[in-house]
Amino acid sequence: MRKQIPLYISILLIPIFLVVLVNEYSRLTSKEEGSVRKGITAINSSVKTPKKCSWYCHSDTGYCKKNHTSLLKNHFSAIDPLYFGIIKSLHSTGDYGLANIVFLVVLLPLFMYLLLVKSISIQRKIKKLKNG
């Protein structure tokens, strides 16, 4: 078990490090002025533009779907109930922002991490049994 600890820690930390690295690189190289909301400056602007998604799309999903999607257009009927169901559920908590962070930033990734660790553990046990 001790041999796996560095593996499990790296599986946990490398994705977090990559997200921070990409975000900070994007912040440094972005030429547009970020949107300010609740005193926090985002990387992306809130300008409505058909060229790319912005924070405007966060509030107007229909505009985003119309102007910024191509691959998913044929799948909206399957995706929309889940997508809008998640948003409705987060709003129903009374604090959408906090619920978003708790469920989509902390709990869901933690659950996926635990499933991955369990999968690796089971795979190692199978390999050990096969090799004797």
N, C-alpha and C. Protein backbone atom coordinates (compact mmCIF):
# COMPACT_ATOMS: atom_id res chain seq x y z
N MET A 1 0.81 -1.20 0.00
CA MET A 1 0.00 0.00 0.00
C MET A 1 0.86 1.27 0.00
N ARG A 2 2.00 1.23 0.70
CA ARG A 2 2.85 2.42 0.77
C ARG A 2 3.41 2.82 -0.58
N LYS A 3 3.61 1.85 -1.47
CA LYS A 3 4.13 2.16 -2.79
C LYS A 3 3.13 2.97 -3.61
N GLN A 4 1.85 2.77 -3.34
CA GLN A 4 0.81 3.44 -4.12
C GLN A 4 0.56 4.88 -3.66
N ILE A 5 0.98 5.25 -2.48
CA ILE A 5 0.69 6.58 -1.96
C ILE A 5 1.21 7.69 -2.89
N PRO A 6 2.47 7.62 -3.37
CA PRO A 6 2.90 8.67 -4.31
C PRO A 6 2.05 8.69 -5.59
N LEU A 7 1.64 7.54 -6.06
CA LEU A 7 0.78 7.48 -7.25
C LEU A 7 -0.54 8.17 -6.98
N TYR A 8 -1.18 7.84 -5.87
CA TYR A 8 -2.47 8.42 -5.54
C TYR A 8 -2.38 9.92 -5.29
N ILE A 9 -1.31 10.36 -4.66
CA ILE A 9 -1.13 11.79 -4.44
C ILE A 9 -0.91 12.52 -5.76
N SER A 10 -0.12 11.93 -6.66
CA SER A 10 0.11 12.56 -7.96
C SER A 10 -1.17 12.58 -8.79
N ILE A 11 -1.99 11.53 -8.71
CA ILE A 11 -3.27 11.53 -9.43
C ILE A 11 -4.17 12.64 -8.91
N LEU A 12 -4.07 12.95 -7.64
CA LEU A 12 -4.87 14.02 -7.06
C LEU A 12 -4.32 15.40 -7.42
N LEU A 13 -3.01 15.58 -7.32
CA LEU A 13 -2.42 16.91 -7.45
C LEU A 13 -2.12 17.35 -8.89
N ILE A 14 -1.76 16.44 -9.77
CA ILE A 14 -1.40 16.82 -11.14
C ILE A 14 -2.56 17.51 -11.87
N PRO A 15 -3.79 16.98 -11.83
CA PRO A 15 -4.88 17.71 -12.51
C PRO A 15 -5.12 19.10 -11.93
N ILE A 16 -5.03 19.24 -10.61
CA ILE A 16 -5.21 20.55 -9.98
C ILE A 16 -4.12 21.50 -10.46
N PHE A 17 -2.88 21.01 -10.47
CA PHE A 17 -1.75 21.82 -10.93
C PHE A 17 -1.94 22.24 -12.39
N LEU A 18 -2.39 21.33 -13.24
CA LEU A 18 -2.59 21.65 -14.66
C LEU A 18 -3.69 22.69 -14.85
N VAL A 19 -4.77 22.59 -14.10
CA VAL A 19 -5.85 23.57 -14.20
C VAL A 19 -5.34 24.95 -13.79
N VAL A 20 -4.62 25.03 -12.68
CA VAL A 20 -4.08 26.31 -12.22
C VAL A 20 -3.09 26.85 -13.26
N LEU A 21 -2.23 25.99 -13.78
CA LEU A 21 -1.24 26.41 -14.77
C LEU A 21 -1.90 26.97 -16.03
N VAL A 22 -2.88 26.27 -16.56
CA VAL A 22 -3.57 26.73 -17.77
C VAL A 22 -4.32 28.04 -17.50
N ASN A 23 -5.01 28.12 -16.37
CA ASN A 23 -5.74 29.35 -16.04
C ASN A 23 -4.80 30.55 -15.90
N GLU A 24 -3.72 30.37 -15.19
CA GLU A 24 -2.80 31.49 -14.98
C GLU A 24 -2.10 31.88 -16.27
N TYR A 25 -1.77 30.90 -17.12
CA TYR A 25 -1.18 31.21 -18.42
C TYR A 25 -2.18 31.99 -19.26
N SER A 26 -3.44 31.56 -19.23
CA SER A 26 -4.49 32.26 -19.99
C SER A 26 -4.66 33.68 -19.47
N ARG A 27 -4.60 33.86 -18.17
CA ARG A 27 -4.74 35.19 -17.59
C ARG A 27 -3.59 36.10 -18.06
N LEU A 28 -2.37 35.57 -18.12
CA LEU A 28 -1.21 36.36 -18.53
C LEU A 28 -1.25 36.72 -20.01
N THR A 29 -1.75 35.82 -20.85
CA THR A 29 -1.71 36.04 -22.29
C THR A 29 -2.99 36.66 -22.85
N SER A 30 -4.02 36.78 -22.03
CA SER A 30 -5.29 37.34 -22.49
C SER A 30 -5.16 38.83 -22.74
N LYS A 31 -5.66 39.28 -23.86
CA LYS A 31 -5.58 40.69 -24.21
C LYS A 31 -6.87 41.43 -23.86
N GLU A 32 -7.93 40.68 -23.56
CA GLU A 32 -9.20 41.32 -23.24
C GLU A 32 -9.31 41.62 -21.75
N GLU A 33 -10.15 42.59 -21.44
CA GLU A 33 -10.35 42.96 -20.05
C GLU A 33 -11.38 42.02 -19.44
N GLY A 34 -11.03 41.41 -18.33
CA GLY A 34 -11.90 40.44 -17.71
C GLY A 34 -13.14 41.06 -17.09
N SER A 35 -14.16 40.25 -17.01
CA SER A 35 -15.40 40.66 -16.37
C SER A 35 -15.21 40.74 -14.86
N VAL A 36 -15.77 41.75 -14.23
CA VAL A 36 -15.67 41.89 -12.78
C VAL A 36 -17.04 41.59 -12.19
N ARG A 37 -17.06 40.65 -11.26
CA ARG A 37 -18.31 40.26 -10.61
C ARG A 37 -18.04 40.02 -9.14
N LYS A 38 -18.76 40.69 -8.29
CA LYS A 38 -18.61 40.58 -6.84
C LYS A 38 -17.17 40.87 -6.41
N GLY A 39 -16.52 41.81 -7.11
CA GLY A 39 -15.17 42.22 -6.76
C GLY A 39 -14.08 41.30 -7.28
N ILE A 40 -14.44 40.28 -8.03
CA ILE A 40 -13.45 39.33 -8.56
C ILE A 40 -13.37 39.51 -10.08
N THR A 41 -12.15 39.65 -10.59
CA THR A 41 -11.95 39.81 -12.03
C THR A 41 -11.72 38.45 -12.67
N ALA A 42 -12.56 38.13 -13.63
CA ALA A 42 -12.44 36.86 -14.35
C ALA A 42 -11.44 37.00 -15.49
N ILE A 43 -11.05 35.90 -16.07
CA ILE A 43 -10.14 35.93 -17.21
C ILE A 43 -10.89 36.42 -18.45
N ASN A 44 -12.11 35.93 -18.66
CA ASN A 44 -12.88 36.28 -19.84
C ASN A 44 -13.73 37.52 -19.61
N SER A 45 -14.04 38.20 -20.70
CA SER A 45 -14.90 39.38 -20.61
C SER A 45 -16.36 38.95 -20.55
N SER A 46 -17.24 39.92 -20.43
CA SER A 46 -18.67 39.62 -20.45
C SER A 46 -19.31 40.21 -21.70
N VAL A 47 -18.49 40.50 -22.70
CA VAL A 47 -18.96 41.09 -23.95
C VAL A 47 -19.69 40.03 -24.77
N LYS A 48 -20.86 40.41 -25.28
CA LYS A 48 -21.65 39.53 -26.15
C LYS A 48 -21.01 39.53 -27.54
N THR A 49 -20.48 38.39 -27.95
CA THR A 49 -19.84 38.29 -29.25
C THR A 49 -20.13 36.92 -29.87
N PRO A 50 -20.42 36.90 -31.17
CA PRO A 50 -20.67 35.61 -31.83
C PRO A 50 -19.39 34.82 -32.10
N LYS A 51 -18.23 35.45 -31.87
CA LYS A 51 -16.96 34.80 -32.17
C LYS A 51 -16.53 33.77 -31.14
N LYS A 52 -16.85 34.01 -29.85
CA LYS A 52 -16.44 33.07 -28.81
C LYS A 52 -17.30 33.24 -27.57
N CYS A 53 -17.27 32.23 -26.73
CA CYS A 53 -18.01 32.29 -25.47
C CYS A 53 -17.38 33.32 -24.55
N SER A 54 -18.23 33.95 -23.75
CA SER A 54 -17.78 34.88 -22.73
C SER A 54 -18.70 34.67 -21.53
N TRP A 55 -18.54 35.51 -20.52
CA TRP A 55 -19.43 35.41 -19.37
C TRP A 55 -20.87 35.72 -19.75
N TYR A 56 -21.07 36.37 -20.88
CA TYR A 56 -22.43 36.63 -21.36
C TYR A 56 -23.16 35.30 -21.55
N CYS A 57 -22.46 34.31 -22.04
CA CYS A 57 -23.05 32.99 -22.29
C CYS A 57 -23.50 32.31 -21.00
N HIS A 58 -22.87 32.66 -19.89
CA HIS A 58 -23.25 32.07 -18.60
C HIS A 58 -24.69 32.42 -18.27
N SER A 59 -25.10 33.64 -18.62
CA SER A 59 -26.46 34.09 -18.32
C SER A 59 -27.44 33.83 -19.45
N ASP A 60 -26.95 33.63 -20.67
CA ASP A 60 -27.82 33.40 -21.82
C ASP A 60 -27.34 32.17 -22.59
N THR A 61 -27.72 31.01 -22.09
CA THR A 61 -27.30 29.75 -22.69
C THR A 61 -27.81 29.62 -24.13
N GLY A 62 -29.01 30.15 -24.38
CA GLY A 62 -29.58 30.09 -25.73
C GLY A 62 -28.70 30.79 -26.75
N TYR A 63 -28.17 31.96 -26.39
CA TYR A 63 -27.28 32.69 -27.28
C TYR A 63 -26.02 31.87 -27.56
N CYS A 64 -25.49 31.28 -26.52
CA CYS A 64 -24.28 30.47 -26.65
C CYS A 64 -24.54 29.27 -27.57
N LYS A 65 -25.65 28.59 -27.32
CA LYS A 65 -25.97 27.42 -28.14
C LYS A 65 -26.14 27.79 -29.61
N LYS A 66 -26.73 28.95 -29.85
CA LYS A 66 -26.98 29.41 -31.22
C LYS A 66 -25.68 29.78 -31.95
N ASN A 67 -24.74 30.40 -31.22
CA ASN A 67 -23.55 30.96 -31.86
C ASN A 67 -22.26 30.20 -31.66
N HIS A 68 -22.17 29.36 -30.64
CA HIS A 68 -20.87 28.78 -30.29
C HIS A 68 -20.81 27.26 -30.32
N THR A 69 -21.86 26.63 -30.73
CA THR A 69 -21.82 25.17 -30.76
C THR A 69 -22.02 24.68 -32.18
N SER A 70 -21.34 23.62 -32.51
CA SER A 70 -21.55 23.00 -33.82
C SER A 70 -21.65 21.49 -33.66
N LEU A 71 -20.76 20.91 -32.91
CA LEU A 71 -20.76 19.46 -32.74
C LEU A 71 -21.96 18.95 -31.94
N LEU A 72 -22.46 19.75 -31.01
CA LEU A 72 -23.51 19.28 -30.11
C LEU A 72 -24.92 19.59 -30.57
N LYS A 73 -25.10 20.36 -31.63
CA LYS A 73 -26.43 20.80 -32.06
C LYS A 73 -27.41 19.63 -32.18
N ASN A 74 -26.97 18.52 -32.68
CA ASN A 74 -27.85 17.37 -32.87
C ASN A 74 -28.14 16.63 -31.57
N HIS A 75 -27.49 17.01 -30.49
CA HIS A 75 -27.62 16.28 -29.23
C HIS A 75 -28.27 17.10 -28.11
N PHE A 76 -28.74 18.31 -28.42
CA PHE A 76 -29.35 19.16 -27.39
C PHE A 76 -30.53 18.49 -26.70
N SER A 77 -31.30 17.71 -27.44
CA SER A 77 -32.48 17.07 -26.83
C SER A 77 -32.07 16.09 -25.73
N ALA A 78 -30.90 15.52 -25.84
CA ALA A 78 -30.41 14.60 -24.81
C ALA A 78 -29.66 15.32 -23.70
N ILE A 79 -28.93 16.38 -24.06
CA ILE A 79 -28.08 17.09 -23.11
C ILE A 79 -28.87 18.07 -22.25
N ASP A 80 -29.80 18.81 -22.87
CA ASP A 80 -30.50 19.90 -22.18
C ASP A 80 -31.21 19.48 -20.89
N PRO A 81 -31.94 18.35 -20.86
CA PRO A 81 -32.59 18.01 -19.59
C PRO A 81 -31.59 17.83 -18.44
N LEU A 82 -30.46 17.20 -18.71
CA LEU A 82 -29.44 17.01 -17.68
C LEU A 82 -28.80 18.35 -17.31
N TYR A 83 -28.41 19.12 -18.31
CA TYR A 83 -27.75 20.41 -18.09
C TYR A 83 -28.64 21.36 -17.28
N PHE A 84 -29.86 21.56 -17.74
CA PHE A 84 -30.76 22.48 -17.05
C PHE A 84 -31.25 21.90 -15.73
N GLY A 85 -31.30 20.58 -15.62
CA GLY A 85 -31.64 19.94 -14.35
C GLY A 85 -30.58 20.21 -13.29
N ILE A 86 -29.32 20.14 -13.68
CA ILE A 86 -28.22 20.43 -12.76
C ILE A 86 -28.29 21.90 -12.31
N ILE A 87 -28.50 22.80 -13.27
CA ILE A 87 -28.58 24.22 -12.93
C ILE A 87 -29.76 24.49 -12.00
N LYS A 88 -30.90 23.90 -12.30
CA LYS A 88 -32.09 24.08 -11.45
C LYS A 88 -31.83 23.54 -10.04
N SER A 89 -31.18 22.39 -9.96
CA SER A 89 -30.85 21.81 -8.65
C SER A 89 -29.92 22.71 -7.85
N LEU A 90 -28.91 23.26 -8.52
CA LEU A 90 -27.97 24.16 -7.84
C LEU A 90 -28.68 25.43 -7.37
N HIS A 91 -29.57 25.97 -8.19
CA HIS A 91 -30.33 27.16 -7.79
C HIS A 91 -31.26 26.86 -6.61
N SER A 92 -31.78 25.64 -6.55
CA SER A 92 -32.74 25.29 -5.49
C SER A 92 -32.11 25.24 -4.10
N THR A 93 -30.79 25.24 -4.04
CA THR A 93 -30.12 25.21 -2.74
C THR A 93 -30.18 26.57 -2.03
N GLY A 94 -30.49 27.62 -2.79
CA GLY A 94 -30.54 28.96 -2.21
C GLY A 94 -29.27 29.75 -2.42
N ASP A 95 -28.16 29.09 -2.68
CA ASP A 95 -26.90 29.78 -2.96
C ASP A 95 -26.22 29.05 -4.12
N TYR A 96 -26.57 29.48 -5.33
CA TYR A 96 -26.10 28.83 -6.55
C TYR A 96 -24.57 28.75 -6.61
N GLY A 97 -23.90 29.86 -6.30
CA GLY A 97 -22.44 29.91 -6.38
C GLY A 97 -21.78 28.92 -5.43
N LEU A 98 -22.23 28.91 -4.19
CA LEU A 98 -21.66 27.99 -3.21
C LEU A 98 -21.96 26.53 -3.59
N ALA A 99 -23.20 26.28 -4.01
CA ALA A 99 -23.58 24.91 -4.39
C ALA A 99 -22.75 24.45 -5.58
N ASN A 100 -22.49 25.34 -6.52
CA ASN A 100 -21.68 25.02 -7.68
C ASN A 100 -20.28 24.59 -7.25
N ILE A 101 -19.70 25.34 -6.33
CA ILE A 101 -18.35 25.02 -5.85
C ILE A 101 -18.36 23.70 -5.07
N VAL A 102 -19.31 23.55 -4.16
CA VAL A 102 -19.35 22.34 -3.32
C VAL A 102 -19.56 21.09 -4.17
N PHE A 103 -20.54 21.11 -5.06
CA PHE A 103 -20.87 19.90 -5.80
C PHE A 103 -20.00 19.68 -7.03
N LEU A 104 -19.82 20.71 -7.86
CA LEU A 104 -19.13 20.51 -9.13
C LEU A 104 -17.62 20.69 -9.05
N VAL A 105 -17.15 21.40 -8.03
CA VAL A 105 -15.71 21.63 -7.91
C VAL A 105 -15.07 20.72 -6.87
N VAL A 106 -15.83 20.37 -5.82
CA VAL A 106 -15.25 19.56 -4.75
C VAL A 106 -15.79 18.12 -4.77
N LEU A 107 -17.08 17.95 -4.57
CA LEU A 107 -17.63 16.60 -4.38
C LEU A 107 -17.56 15.71 -5.62
N LEU A 108 -17.95 16.23 -6.78
CA LEU A 108 -17.92 15.39 -7.99
C LEU A 108 -16.49 14.96 -8.35
N PRO A 109 -15.51 15.88 -8.38
CA PRO A 109 -14.13 15.44 -8.65
C PRO A 109 -13.60 14.49 -7.57
N LEU A 110 -13.95 14.75 -6.30
CA LEU A 110 -13.52 13.85 -5.24
C LEU A 110 -14.09 12.45 -5.43
N PHE A 111 -15.37 12.38 -5.80
CA PHE A 111 -16.00 11.09 -6.06
C PHE A 111 -15.31 10.37 -7.23
N MET A 112 -15.01 11.10 -8.31
CA MET A 112 -14.33 10.49 -9.46
C MET A 112 -12.92 10.04 -9.07
N TYR A 113 -12.24 10.83 -8.25
CA TYR A 113 -10.91 10.46 -7.77
C TYR A 113 -10.98 9.16 -6.97
N LEU A 114 -11.94 9.06 -6.06
CA LEU A 114 -12.08 7.85 -5.25
C LEU A 114 -12.39 6.63 -6.12
N LEU A 115 -13.22 6.81 -7.13
CA LEU A 115 -13.51 5.71 -8.05
C LEU A 115 -12.26 5.28 -8.81
N LEU A 116 -11.45 6.24 -9.23
CA LEU A 116 -10.22 5.93 -9.95
C LEU A 116 -9.23 5.19 -9.04
N VAL A 117 -9.09 5.65 -7.81
CA VAL A 117 -8.19 4.99 -6.86
C VAL A 117 -8.66 3.57 -6.60
N LYS A 118 -9.96 3.40 -6.41
CA LYS A 118 -10.51 2.06 -6.18
C LYS A 118 -10.28 1.16 -7.40
N SER A 119 -10.47 1.71 -8.58
CA SER A 119 -10.25 0.95 -9.81
C SER A 119 -8.79 0.50 -9.92
N ILE A 120 -7.86 1.39 -9.63
CA ILE A 120 -6.43 1.05 -9.67
C ILE A 120 -6.12 -0.03 -8.64
N SER A 121 -6.68 0.11 -7.47
CA SER A 121 -6.48 -0.87 -6.40
C SER A 121 -6.99 -2.26 -6.82
N ILE A 122 -8.16 -2.31 -7.38
CA ILE A 122 -8.73 -3.59 -7.84
C ILE A 122 -7.89 -4.17 -8.97
N GLN A 123 -7.45 -3.31 -9.89
CA GLN A 123 -6.62 -3.77 -11.01
C GLN A 123 -5.31 -4.38 -10.51
N ARG A 124 -4.71 -3.77 -9.50
CA ARG A 124 -3.47 -4.29 -8.92
C ARG A 124 -3.71 -5.64 -8.25
N LYS A 125 -4.84 -5.79 -7.56
CA LYS A 125 -5.18 -7.06 -6.92
C LYS A 125 -5.37 -8.15 -7.97
N ILE A 126 -6.04 -7.82 -9.06
CA ILE A 126 -6.24 -8.80 -10.15
C ILE A 126 -4.90 -9.21 -10.73
N LYS A 127 -4.04 -8.23 -10.99
CA LYS A 127 -2.72 -8.53 -11.54
C LYS A 127 -1.91 -9.41 -10.59
N LYS A 128 -2.00 -9.13 -9.29
CA LYS A 128 -1.29 -9.91 -8.28
C LYS A 128 -1.80 -11.34 -8.25
N LEU A 129 -3.12 -11.52 -8.34
CA LEU A 129 -3.69 -12.87 -8.34
C LEU A 129 -3.30 -13.64 -9.60
N LYS A 130 -3.25 -12.98 -10.73
CA LYS A 130 -2.86 -13.64 -11.98
C LYS A 130 -1.41 -14.10 -11.97
N ASN A 131 -0.56 -13.26 -11.34
CA ASN A 131 0.87 -13.58 -11.31
C ASN A 131 1.24 -14.53 -10.18
N GLY A 132 0.30 -14.79 -9.31
CA GLY A 132 0.55 -15.74 -8.23
C GLY A 132 1.11 -15.13 -7.06
